[in-house]
């Protein structure tokens, strides 16, 4: 388990993310939960970026699907806010 988390960190996927130990939850479950939240933040940022891209290349006529980019951006922003607040709460509990 340690090797997998070390490889993810070395790959630069999660820059500087070190999950905080949660009281009463030790071992691989705590580590996977912490890295999962950081991956959710990155996925949300990717969703926002994809929404911006879709908005830039969307058909601007009256018959185009104009709301789809905003769905991507809204879902991405919601994922970032949710994961960020959970990370903050968990760091407050563990800190």
N, C-alpha and C. Protein backbone atom coordinates (compact mmCIF):
# COMPACT_ATOMS: atom_id res chain seq x y z
N UNK A 1 0.82 -1.19 0.00
CA UNK A 1 0.00 0.00 0.00
C UNK A 1 0.87 1.26 0.00
N UNK A 2 1.94 1.21 0.76
CA UNK A 2 2.83 2.36 0.83
C UNK A 2 3.45 2.66 -0.52
N UNK A 3 3.80 1.61 -1.25
CA UNK A 3 4.42 1.78 -2.56
C UNK A 3 3.47 2.47 -3.53
N UNK A 4 2.18 2.10 -3.50
CA UNK A 4 1.20 2.71 -4.41
C UNK A 4 1.04 4.19 -4.12
N UNK A 5 0.94 4.56 -2.85
CA UNK A 5 0.79 5.98 -2.53
C UNK A 5 2.07 6.75 -2.84
N UNK A 6 3.21 6.11 -2.68
CA UNK A 6 4.48 6.77 -3.02
C UNK A 6 4.59 7.01 -4.52
N UNK A 7 4.14 6.03 -5.32
CA UNK A 7 4.19 6.19 -6.77
C UNK A 7 3.26 7.30 -7.24
N UNK A 8 2.08 7.41 -6.64
CA UNK A 8 1.14 8.46 -7.01
C UNK A 8 1.74 9.83 -6.70
N UNK A 9 2.36 9.94 -5.54
CA UNK A 9 2.97 11.22 -5.16
C UNK A 9 4.16 11.54 -6.06
N UNK A 10 4.97 10.53 -6.38
CA UNK A 10 6.12 10.77 -7.25
C UNK A 10 5.70 11.12 -8.66
N UNK A 11 4.56 10.60 -9.10
CA UNK A 11 4.10 10.89 -10.45
C UNK A 11 3.63 12.33 -10.58
N UNK A 12 3.44 13.02 -9.48
CA UNK A 12 3.03 14.41 -9.52
C UNK A 12 1.54 14.60 -9.74
N UNK A 13 0.77 13.52 -9.59
CA UNK A 13 -0.67 13.65 -9.77
C UNK A 13 -1.27 14.48 -8.65
N UNK A 14 -0.79 14.26 -7.44
CA UNK A 14 -1.31 14.99 -6.29
C UNK A 14 -0.13 15.77 -5.69
N UNK A 15 0.05 17.01 -6.10
CA UNK A 15 1.21 17.75 -5.62
C UNK A 15 1.06 18.18 -4.17
N UNK A 16 1.94 17.70 -3.33
CA UNK A 16 1.97 18.13 -1.94
C UNK A 16 0.83 17.66 -1.09
N UNK A 17 0.07 16.71 -1.53
CA UNK A 17 -1.08 16.24 -0.76
C UNK A 17 -0.64 15.14 0.20
N UNK A 18 -0.73 15.41 1.45
CA UNK A 18 -0.46 14.40 2.47
C UNK A 18 -1.71 14.28 3.32
N UNK A 19 -2.42 13.18 3.21
CA UNK A 19 -3.64 13.05 4.00
C UNK A 19 -3.35 13.02 5.50
N UNK A 20 -4.17 13.71 6.26
CA UNK A 20 -4.03 13.77 7.70
C UNK A 20 -4.67 12.53 8.31
N UNK A 21 -4.02 11.96 9.31
CA UNK A 21 -4.57 10.80 10.00
C UNK A 21 -5.83 11.22 10.75
N UNK A 22 -6.90 10.47 10.55
CA UNK A 22 -8.16 10.74 11.21
C UNK A 22 -8.19 9.95 12.51
N UNK A 23 -8.53 10.58 13.64
CA UNK A 23 -8.55 9.84 14.90
C UNK A 23 -9.55 8.68 14.83
N UNK A 24 -9.10 7.51 15.23
CA UNK A 24 -9.96 6.33 15.22
C UNK A 24 -9.98 5.60 13.90
N UNK A 25 -9.37 6.15 12.88
CA UNK A 25 -9.33 5.50 11.57
C UNK A 25 -7.87 5.50 11.11
N UNK A 26 -7.22 4.39 11.29
CA UNK A 26 -5.81 4.28 10.95
C UNK A 26 -5.63 3.32 9.79
N UNK A 27 -4.45 3.35 9.22
CA UNK A 27 -4.10 2.38 8.20
C UNK A 27 -4.48 2.79 6.80
N UNK A 28 -4.65 1.81 5.92
CA UNK A 28 -4.88 2.11 4.51
C UNK A 28 -6.22 2.78 4.23
N UNK A 29 -7.23 2.54 5.07
CA UNK A 29 -8.54 3.17 4.82
C UNK A 29 -8.43 4.68 4.95
N UNK A 30 -7.75 5.14 5.96
CA UNK A 30 -7.57 6.58 6.16
C UNK A 30 -6.77 7.19 5.01
N UNK A 31 -5.72 6.49 4.59
CA UNK A 31 -4.88 7.02 3.51
C UNK A 31 -5.63 7.06 2.18
N UNK A 32 -6.36 6.00 1.88
CA UNK A 32 -7.15 5.97 0.64
C UNK A 32 -8.23 7.04 0.65
N UNK A 33 -8.88 7.24 1.79
CA UNK A 33 -9.91 8.27 1.90
C UNK A 33 -9.33 9.65 1.67
N UNK A 34 -8.16 9.90 2.25
CA UNK A 34 -7.51 11.20 2.08
C UNK A 34 -7.11 11.46 0.64
N UNK A 35 -6.49 10.46 0.00
CA UNK A 35 -6.10 10.63 -1.39
C UNK A 35 -7.32 10.69 -2.30
N UNK A 36 -8.38 9.97 -1.94
CA UNK A 36 -9.62 10.03 -2.73
C UNK A 36 -10.20 11.42 -2.77
N UNK A 37 -10.15 12.13 -1.64
CA UNK A 37 -10.66 13.50 -1.61
C UNK A 37 -9.82 14.42 -2.49
N UNK A 38 -8.50 14.24 -2.47
CA UNK A 38 -7.65 15.06 -3.32
C UNK A 38 -7.89 14.76 -4.79
N UNK A 39 -8.12 13.49 -5.12
CA UNK A 39 -8.43 13.14 -6.51
C UNK A 39 -9.78 13.73 -6.93
N UNK A 40 -10.73 13.81 -5.99
CA UNK A 40 -12.02 14.43 -6.30
C UNK A 40 -11.85 15.92 -6.61
N UNK A 41 -10.96 16.58 -5.90
CA UNK A 41 -10.67 17.99 -6.20
C UNK A 41 -10.10 18.12 -7.61
N UNK A 42 -9.16 17.24 -7.96
CA UNK A 42 -8.57 17.30 -9.30
C UNK A 42 -9.59 16.98 -10.38
N UNK A 43 -10.48 16.02 -10.11
CA UNK A 43 -11.52 15.68 -11.08
C UNK A 43 -12.49 16.85 -11.25
N UNK A 44 -12.82 17.54 -10.16
CA UNK A 44 -13.69 18.71 -10.26
C UNK A 44 -13.05 19.82 -11.07
N UNK A 45 -11.76 20.03 -10.86
CA UNK A 45 -11.05 21.05 -11.65
C UNK A 45 -11.03 20.66 -13.12
N UNK A 46 -10.89 19.37 -13.39
CA UNK A 46 -10.95 18.90 -14.78
C UNK A 46 -12.32 19.11 -15.38
N UNK A 47 -13.37 18.90 -14.59
CA UNK A 47 -14.73 19.13 -15.08
C UNK A 47 -14.98 20.59 -15.42
N UNK A 48 -14.49 21.48 -14.57
CA UNK A 48 -14.63 22.91 -14.85
C UNK A 48 -13.87 23.27 -16.13
N UNK A 49 -12.66 22.74 -16.27
CA UNK A 49 -11.87 23.01 -17.47
C UNK A 49 -12.53 22.48 -18.73
N UNK A 50 -13.12 21.28 -18.64
CA UNK A 50 -13.81 20.71 -19.79
C UNK A 50 -15.05 21.53 -20.14
N UNK A 51 -15.74 22.05 -19.13
CA UNK A 51 -16.88 22.90 -19.38
C UNK A 51 -16.50 24.20 -20.08
N UNK A 52 -15.38 24.77 -19.66
CA UNK A 52 -14.89 25.99 -20.32
C UNK A 52 -14.52 25.68 -21.77
N UNK A 53 -13.88 24.53 -22.00
CA UNK A 53 -13.54 24.12 -23.36
C UNK A 53 -14.80 23.94 -24.21
N UNK A 54 -15.80 23.25 -23.66
CA UNK A 54 -17.04 23.03 -24.42
C UNK A 54 -17.75 24.35 -24.70
N UNK A 55 -17.68 25.30 -23.78
CA UNK A 55 -18.28 26.61 -24.01
C UNK A 55 -17.56 27.34 -25.13
N UNK A 56 -16.25 27.18 -25.20
CA UNK A 56 -15.47 27.87 -26.23
C UNK A 56 -15.75 27.32 -27.62
N UNK A 57 -16.01 26.02 -27.73
CA UNK A 57 -16.19 25.41 -29.05
C UNK A 57 -17.67 25.11 -29.35
N UNK A 58 -18.58 25.56 -28.50
CA UNK A 58 -20.00 25.24 -28.68
C UNK A 58 -20.59 25.99 -29.88
N UNK A 59 -21.62 25.39 -30.42
CA UNK A 59 -22.38 26.02 -31.50
C UNK A 59 -23.21 27.14 -30.87
N UNK A 60 -22.95 28.35 -31.26
CA UNK A 60 -23.60 29.51 -30.63
C UNK A 60 -24.94 29.87 -31.28
N UNK A 61 -25.41 29.05 -32.19
CA UNK A 61 -26.69 29.35 -32.83
C UNK A 61 -27.85 29.04 -31.88
N UNK A 62 -29.05 29.29 -32.31
CA UNK A 62 -30.22 29.07 -31.46
C UNK A 62 -30.49 27.59 -31.22
N UNK A 63 -30.01 26.72 -32.08
CA UNK A 63 -30.34 25.31 -31.96
C UNK A 63 -29.24 24.51 -31.28
N UNK A 64 -28.20 25.17 -30.81
CA UNK A 64 -27.10 24.47 -30.15
C UNK A 64 -27.47 24.12 -28.72
N UNK A 65 -26.75 23.17 -28.15
CA UNK A 65 -26.97 22.78 -26.76
C UNK A 65 -26.22 23.73 -25.84
N UNK A 66 -26.82 24.85 -25.53
CA UNK A 66 -26.12 25.90 -24.80
C UNK A 66 -25.95 25.65 -23.32
N UNK A 67 -26.72 24.73 -22.72
CA UNK A 67 -26.62 24.56 -21.28
C UNK A 67 -25.61 23.48 -20.87
N UNK A 68 -25.17 22.65 -21.81
CA UNK A 68 -24.28 21.55 -21.44
C UNK A 68 -22.95 22.02 -20.84
N UNK A 69 -22.28 23.03 -21.39
CA UNK A 69 -21.02 23.47 -20.76
C UNK A 69 -21.21 23.95 -19.33
N UNK A 70 -22.35 24.59 -19.06
CA UNK A 70 -22.60 25.08 -17.71
C UNK A 70 -22.88 23.94 -16.74
N UNK A 71 -23.43 22.83 -17.25
CA UNK A 71 -23.61 21.64 -16.41
C UNK A 71 -22.25 21.08 -16.00
N UNK A 72 -21.30 21.01 -16.94
CA UNK A 72 -19.97 20.52 -16.64
C UNK A 72 -19.28 21.44 -15.63
N UNK A 73 -19.37 22.75 -15.87
CA UNK A 73 -18.70 23.69 -14.97
C UNK A 73 -19.33 23.68 -13.59
N UNK A 74 -20.65 23.58 -13.52
CA UNK A 74 -21.33 23.55 -12.22
C UNK A 74 -21.02 22.29 -11.44
N UNK A 75 -21.02 21.16 -12.12
CA UNK A 75 -20.71 19.90 -11.44
C UNK A 75 -19.26 19.88 -10.97
N UNK A 76 -18.36 20.40 -11.79
CA UNK A 76 -16.95 20.46 -11.39
C UNK A 76 -16.74 21.38 -10.19
N UNK A 77 -17.39 22.53 -10.22
CA UNK A 77 -17.28 23.46 -9.09
C UNK A 77 -17.88 22.86 -7.82
N UNK A 78 -18.99 22.15 -7.96
CA UNK A 78 -19.61 21.50 -6.79
C UNK A 78 -18.68 20.43 -6.22
N UNK A 79 -18.01 19.67 -7.08
CA UNK A 79 -17.08 18.64 -6.60
C UNK A 79 -15.90 19.27 -5.87
N UNK A 80 -15.38 20.36 -6.40
CA UNK A 80 -14.26 21.05 -5.75
C UNK A 80 -14.68 21.60 -4.40
N UNK A 81 -15.85 22.22 -4.33
CA UNK A 81 -16.32 22.79 -3.07
C UNK A 81 -16.59 21.70 -2.04
N UNK A 82 -17.25 20.62 -2.45
CA UNK A 82 -17.55 19.52 -1.53
C UNK A 82 -16.28 18.88 -1.00
N UNK A 83 -15.37 18.51 -1.88
CA UNK A 83 -14.13 17.86 -1.44
C UNK A 83 -13.28 18.82 -0.62
N UNK A 84 -13.23 20.07 -1.02
CA UNK A 84 -12.45 21.05 -0.25
C UNK A 84 -12.99 21.25 1.14
N UNK A 85 -14.31 21.29 1.28
CA UNK A 85 -14.89 21.45 2.62
C UNK A 85 -14.67 20.20 3.46
N UNK A 86 -14.75 19.01 2.85
CA UNK A 86 -14.48 17.78 3.61
C UNK A 86 -13.03 17.70 4.04
N UNK A 87 -12.10 18.12 3.18
CA UNK A 87 -10.69 18.14 3.55
C UNK A 87 -10.47 19.10 4.72
N UNK A 88 -11.10 20.26 4.65
CA UNK A 88 -10.96 21.25 5.72
C UNK A 88 -11.53 20.74 7.04
N UNK A 89 -12.69 20.10 6.98
CA UNK A 89 -13.31 19.56 8.19
C UNK A 89 -12.44 18.46 8.79
N UNK A 90 -11.96 17.55 7.94
CA UNK A 90 -11.13 16.46 8.45
C UNK A 90 -9.80 16.97 9.02
N UNK A 91 -9.22 17.97 8.39
CA UNK A 91 -7.99 18.54 8.94
C UNK A 91 -8.25 19.24 10.26
N UNK A 92 -9.43 19.83 10.42
CA UNK A 92 -9.79 20.46 11.68
C UNK A 92 -10.01 19.45 12.79
N UNK A 93 -10.58 18.30 12.43
CA UNK A 93 -10.81 17.25 13.42
C UNK A 93 -9.48 16.61 13.83
N UNK A 94 -8.65 16.34 12.83
CA UNK A 94 -7.39 15.65 13.10
C UNK A 94 -6.32 16.57 13.66
N UNK A 95 -6.44 17.86 13.36
CA UNK A 95 -5.39 18.80 13.75
C UNK A 95 -5.45 19.13 15.19
